[in-house]
Amino acid sequence: MDLLSILIAFSIVCGATTNVEQIDQPTTTRYTSYKRELKDVDRCKCEGVEVGFVKISAREGTDEILGATIVGPTAGDMISAITLCSKWCN
């Protein structure tokens, strides 16, 4: 299933960033992005979720979350946990 099909099927895309302009300028902030397909997550396998992904961008060399994008049927539930982590854990 391609990304467009996922967006049409679920209509749930969530994102959170601290500062989009800062992330888009690599001279200002160096970051690393981590992407995980939901089909590879054990809990999603148990719940029957086969499509979607989570992508988290963190300041390079740290665990400070700069932004996240989630596409999937429970994106709205998952983004709240990432938002809390980015606010209170950094």
N, C-alpha and C. Protein backbone atom coordinates (compact mmCIF):
# COMPACT_ATOMS: atom_id res chain seq x y z
N MET A 1 0.85 -1.18 0.00
CA MET A 1 0.00 0.00 0.00
C MET A 1 0.90 1.24 0.00
N ASP A 2 0.64 2.18 -0.87
CA ASP A 2 1.45 3.38 -0.93
C ASP A 2 0.92 4.44 0.05
N LEU A 3 1.68 5.52 0.23
CA LEU A 3 1.34 6.55 1.21
C LEU A 3 -0.01 7.20 0.91
N LEU A 4 -0.31 7.47 -0.35
CA LEU A 4 -1.58 8.09 -0.70
C LEU A 4 -2.75 7.19 -0.30
N SER A 5 -2.62 5.90 -0.52
CA SER A 5 -3.68 4.96 -0.12
C SER A 5 -3.87 4.96 1.38
N ILE A 6 -2.77 5.04 2.12
CA ILE A 6 -2.85 5.09 3.58
C ILE A 6 -3.60 6.35 4.02
N LEU A 7 -3.25 7.49 3.43
CA LEU A 7 -3.89 8.74 3.82
C LEU A 7 -5.38 8.71 3.52
N ILE A 8 -5.76 8.15 2.40
CA ILE A 8 -7.18 8.07 2.04
C ILE A 8 -7.91 7.09 2.95
N ALA A 9 -7.29 5.96 3.24
CA ALA A 9 -7.93 4.93 4.05
C ALA A 9 -8.10 5.36 5.50
N PHE A 10 -7.11 6.01 6.07
CA PHE A 10 -7.15 6.34 7.48
C PHE A 10 -7.52 7.79 7.76
N SER A 11 -7.13 8.67 6.88
CA SER A 11 -7.35 10.10 7.07
C SER A 11 -6.81 10.58 8.42
N ILE A 12 -5.81 9.90 8.94
CA ILE A 12 -5.21 10.32 10.20
C ILE A 12 -3.71 10.50 10.00
N VAL A 13 -3.29 11.74 10.02
CA VAL A 13 -1.89 12.09 9.95
C VAL A 13 -1.66 13.11 11.06
N CYS A 14 -0.72 12.85 11.91
CA CYS A 14 -0.44 13.78 13.01
C CYS A 14 1.02 14.19 12.96
N GLY A 15 1.26 15.41 13.37
CA GLY A 15 2.63 15.90 13.41
C GLY A 15 2.81 16.87 14.55
N ALA A 16 4.02 16.93 15.06
CA ALA A 16 4.35 17.89 16.12
C ALA A 16 5.81 18.28 15.94
N THR A 17 6.09 19.57 16.01
CA THR A 17 7.47 20.04 15.94
C THR A 17 7.66 21.16 16.93
N THR A 18 8.92 21.39 17.28
CA THR A 18 9.23 22.52 18.15
C THR A 18 9.35 23.78 17.33
N ASN A 19 9.94 23.67 16.13
CA ASN A 19 10.15 24.84 15.28
C ASN A 19 10.52 24.36 13.88
N VAL A 20 9.56 24.36 12.98
CA VAL A 20 9.78 23.82 11.64
C VAL A 20 10.91 24.54 10.92
N GLU A 21 10.96 25.85 11.03
CA GLU A 21 12.01 26.61 10.36
C GLU A 21 13.39 26.19 10.85
N GLN A 22 13.52 25.94 12.13
CA GLN A 22 14.81 25.54 12.70
C GLN A 22 15.22 24.16 12.17
N ILE A 23 14.28 23.23 12.07
CA ILE A 23 14.59 21.89 11.59
C ILE A 23 14.99 21.92 10.12
N ASP A 24 14.35 22.77 9.32
CA ASP A 24 14.62 22.82 7.89
C ASP A 24 15.96 23.46 7.54
N GLN A 25 16.64 24.06 8.53
CA GLN A 25 17.93 24.69 8.27
C GLN A 25 19.03 23.88 8.93
N PRO A 26 19.67 22.98 8.17
CA PRO A 26 20.69 22.12 8.77
C PRO A 26 21.88 22.89 9.35
N THR A 27 22.11 24.13 8.90
CA THR A 27 23.21 24.91 9.47
C THR A 27 22.88 25.34 10.89
N THR A 28 21.61 25.47 11.22
CA THR A 28 21.19 25.88 12.56
C THR A 28 21.13 24.68 13.50
N THR A 29 20.47 23.63 13.07
CA THR A 29 20.25 22.47 13.92
C THR A 29 20.55 21.20 13.14
N ARG A 30 21.48 20.43 13.64
CA ARG A 30 21.75 19.12 13.04
C ARG A 30 20.85 18.12 13.74
N TYR A 31 20.18 17.29 12.92
CA TYR A 31 19.24 16.34 13.50
C TYR A 31 19.34 15.00 12.78
N THR A 32 18.83 13.99 13.44
CA THR A 32 18.75 12.65 12.90
C THR A 32 17.30 12.22 12.94
N SER A 33 16.82 11.59 11.89
CA SER A 33 15.44 11.11 11.85
C SER A 33 15.41 9.59 11.94
N TYR A 34 14.47 9.11 12.70
CA TYR A 34 14.27 7.67 12.88
C TYR A 34 12.87 7.34 12.38
N LYS A 35 12.77 6.32 11.53
CA LYS A 35 11.47 5.95 10.98
C LYS A 35 11.21 4.48 11.26
N ARG A 36 10.00 4.17 11.70
CA ARG A 36 9.62 2.78 11.99
C ARG A 36 8.27 2.49 11.36
N GLU A 37 8.21 1.47 10.57
CA GLU A 37 6.95 1.03 9.98
C GLU A 37 6.11 0.36 11.06
N LEU A 38 4.81 0.66 11.11
CA LEU A 38 3.95 0.08 12.14
C LEU A 38 3.81 -1.43 11.99
N LYS A 39 3.97 -1.94 10.78
CA LYS A 39 3.86 -3.40 10.57
C LYS A 39 4.98 -4.16 11.28
N ASP A 40 6.05 -3.44 11.69
CA ASP A 40 7.18 -4.07 12.37
C ASP A 40 7.10 -3.95 13.89
N VAL A 41 6.04 -3.34 14.41
CA VAL A 41 5.87 -3.15 15.85
C VAL A 41 4.96 -4.26 16.39
N ASP A 42 5.41 -4.95 17.45
CA ASP A 42 4.67 -6.09 17.98
C ASP A 42 3.23 -5.74 18.37
N ARG A 43 3.04 -4.62 19.05
CA ARG A 43 1.69 -4.25 19.47
C ARG A 43 0.77 -4.03 18.26
N CYS A 44 1.30 -3.41 17.23
CA CYS A 44 0.51 -3.19 16.01
C CYS A 44 0.16 -4.52 15.34
N LYS A 45 1.10 -5.46 15.38
CA LYS A 45 0.82 -6.79 14.82
C LYS A 45 -0.35 -7.43 15.56
N CYS A 46 -0.36 -7.31 16.90
CA CYS A 46 -1.44 -7.89 17.71
C CYS A 46 -2.78 -7.21 17.43
N GLU A 47 -2.74 -5.91 17.13
CA GLU A 47 -3.97 -5.17 16.88
C GLU A 47 -4.39 -5.20 15.41
N GLY A 48 -3.60 -5.85 14.57
CA GLY A 48 -3.95 -5.98 13.16
C GLY A 48 -3.60 -4.77 12.30
N VAL A 49 -2.77 -3.87 12.81
CA VAL A 49 -2.36 -2.69 12.04
C VAL A 49 -1.22 -3.11 11.12
N GLU A 50 -1.41 -2.95 9.82
CA GLU A 50 -0.41 -3.40 8.85
C GLU A 50 0.23 -2.28 8.06
N VAL A 51 -0.35 -1.08 8.11
CA VAL A 51 0.19 0.05 7.34
C VAL A 51 0.33 1.28 8.22
N GLY A 52 1.27 2.12 7.84
CA GLY A 52 1.52 3.36 8.58
C GLY A 52 2.96 3.40 9.06
N PHE A 53 3.34 4.55 9.62
CA PHE A 53 4.70 4.69 10.13
C PHE A 53 4.77 5.79 11.19
N VAL A 54 5.87 5.76 11.93
CA VAL A 54 6.20 6.82 12.89
C VAL A 54 7.59 7.31 12.52
N LYS A 55 7.74 8.61 12.40
CA LYS A 55 9.05 9.20 12.11
C LYS A 55 9.32 10.26 13.17
N ILE A 56 10.44 10.14 13.86
CA ILE A 56 10.81 11.08 14.92
C ILE A 56 12.15 11.71 14.56
N SER A 57 12.22 13.02 14.65
CA SER A 57 13.47 13.75 14.42
C SER A 57 13.99 14.25 15.75
N ALA A 58 15.27 13.96 16.02
CA ALA A 58 15.89 14.36 17.28
C ALA A 58 17.18 15.13 17.00
N ARG A 59 17.50 16.04 17.90
CA ARG A 59 18.75 16.78 17.78
C ARG A 59 19.90 15.78 17.76
N GLU A 60 20.80 15.93 16.81
CA GLU A 60 21.90 14.99 16.62
C GLU A 60 22.74 14.87 17.89
N GLY A 61 23.00 13.64 18.30
CA GLY A 61 23.83 13.38 19.47
C GLY A 61 23.11 13.49 20.80
N THR A 62 21.81 13.77 20.77
CA THR A 62 21.02 13.87 22.00
C THR A 62 19.72 13.09 21.82
N ASP A 63 18.91 13.09 22.88
CA ASP A 63 17.58 12.48 22.77
C ASP A 63 16.49 13.55 22.76
N GLU A 64 16.84 14.79 22.45
CA GLU A 64 15.87 15.88 22.38
C GLU A 64 15.02 15.75 21.12
N ILE A 65 13.73 15.59 21.30
CA ILE A 65 12.81 15.43 20.17
C ILE A 65 12.51 16.80 19.58
N LEU A 66 12.78 16.93 18.28
CA LEU A 66 12.48 18.19 17.57
C LEU A 66 11.15 18.11 16.85
N GLY A 67 10.75 16.93 16.41
CA GLY A 67 9.48 16.79 15.70
C GLY A 67 9.15 15.35 15.45
N ALA A 68 7.88 15.11 15.08
CA ALA A 68 7.44 13.76 14.81
C ALA A 68 6.29 13.79 13.81
N THR A 69 6.20 12.73 13.03
CA THR A 69 5.10 12.54 12.10
C THR A 69 4.61 11.11 12.26
N ILE A 70 3.30 10.95 12.37
CA ILE A 70 2.71 9.62 12.50
C ILE A 70 1.59 9.49 11.47
N VAL A 71 1.62 8.40 10.74
CA VAL A 71 0.55 8.08 9.79
C VAL A 71 0.04 6.70 10.16
N GLY A 72 -1.24 6.59 10.45
CA GLY A 72 -1.81 5.30 10.80
C GLY A 72 -3.15 5.46 11.48
N PRO A 73 -3.82 4.36 11.76
CA PRO A 73 -5.17 4.41 12.32
C PRO A 73 -5.24 4.95 13.74
N THR A 74 -4.17 4.87 14.50
CA THR A 74 -4.18 5.37 15.88
C THR A 74 -3.19 6.52 16.06
N ALA A 75 -2.94 7.27 15.00
CA ALA A 75 -1.98 8.36 15.05
C ALA A 75 -2.34 9.40 16.11
N GLY A 76 -3.61 9.70 16.24
CA GLY A 76 -4.06 10.69 17.22
C GLY A 76 -3.73 10.28 18.65
N ASP A 77 -3.81 8.99 18.94
CA ASP A 77 -3.47 8.50 20.28
C ASP A 77 -1.98 8.53 20.52
N MET A 78 -1.21 8.16 19.50
CA MET A 78 0.24 8.08 19.66
C MET A 78 0.92 9.44 19.73
N ILE A 79 0.40 10.43 19.00
CA ILE A 79 1.08 11.72 18.96
C ILE A 79 1.07 12.40 20.32
N SER A 80 0.06 12.12 21.15
CA SER A 80 0.01 12.75 22.47
C SER A 80 1.18 12.30 23.34
N ALA A 81 1.56 11.04 23.23
CA ALA A 81 2.70 10.55 24.01
C ALA A 81 4.00 11.21 23.55
N ILE A 82 4.16 11.38 22.25
CA ILE A 82 5.37 12.03 21.74
C ILE A 82 5.41 13.50 22.13
N THR A 83 4.24 14.16 22.10
CA THR A 83 4.17 15.56 22.51
C THR A 83 4.57 15.72 23.96
N LEU A 84 4.09 14.84 24.83
CA LEU A 84 4.49 14.89 26.24
C LEU A 84 5.98 14.68 26.41
N CYS A 85 6.52 13.70 25.69
CA CYS A 85 7.98 13.45 25.77
C CYS A 85 8.78 14.64 25.31
N SER A 86 8.36 15.27 24.22
CA SER A 86 9.13 16.40 23.69
C SER A 86 9.06 17.61 24.63
N LYS A 87 7.97 17.73 25.34
CA LYS A 87 7.82 18.88 26.25
C LYS A 87 8.52 18.65 27.60
N TRP A 88 8.34 17.48 28.17
CA TRP A 88 8.80 17.24 29.54
C TRP A 88 10.10 16.45 29.66
N CYS A 89 10.49 15.75 28.63
CA CYS A 89 11.68 14.89 28.74
C CYS A 89 12.93 15.53 28.16
N ASN A 90 12.81 16.67 27.48
CA ASN A 90 13.98 17.31 26.87
C ASN A 90 14.68 18.21 27.85
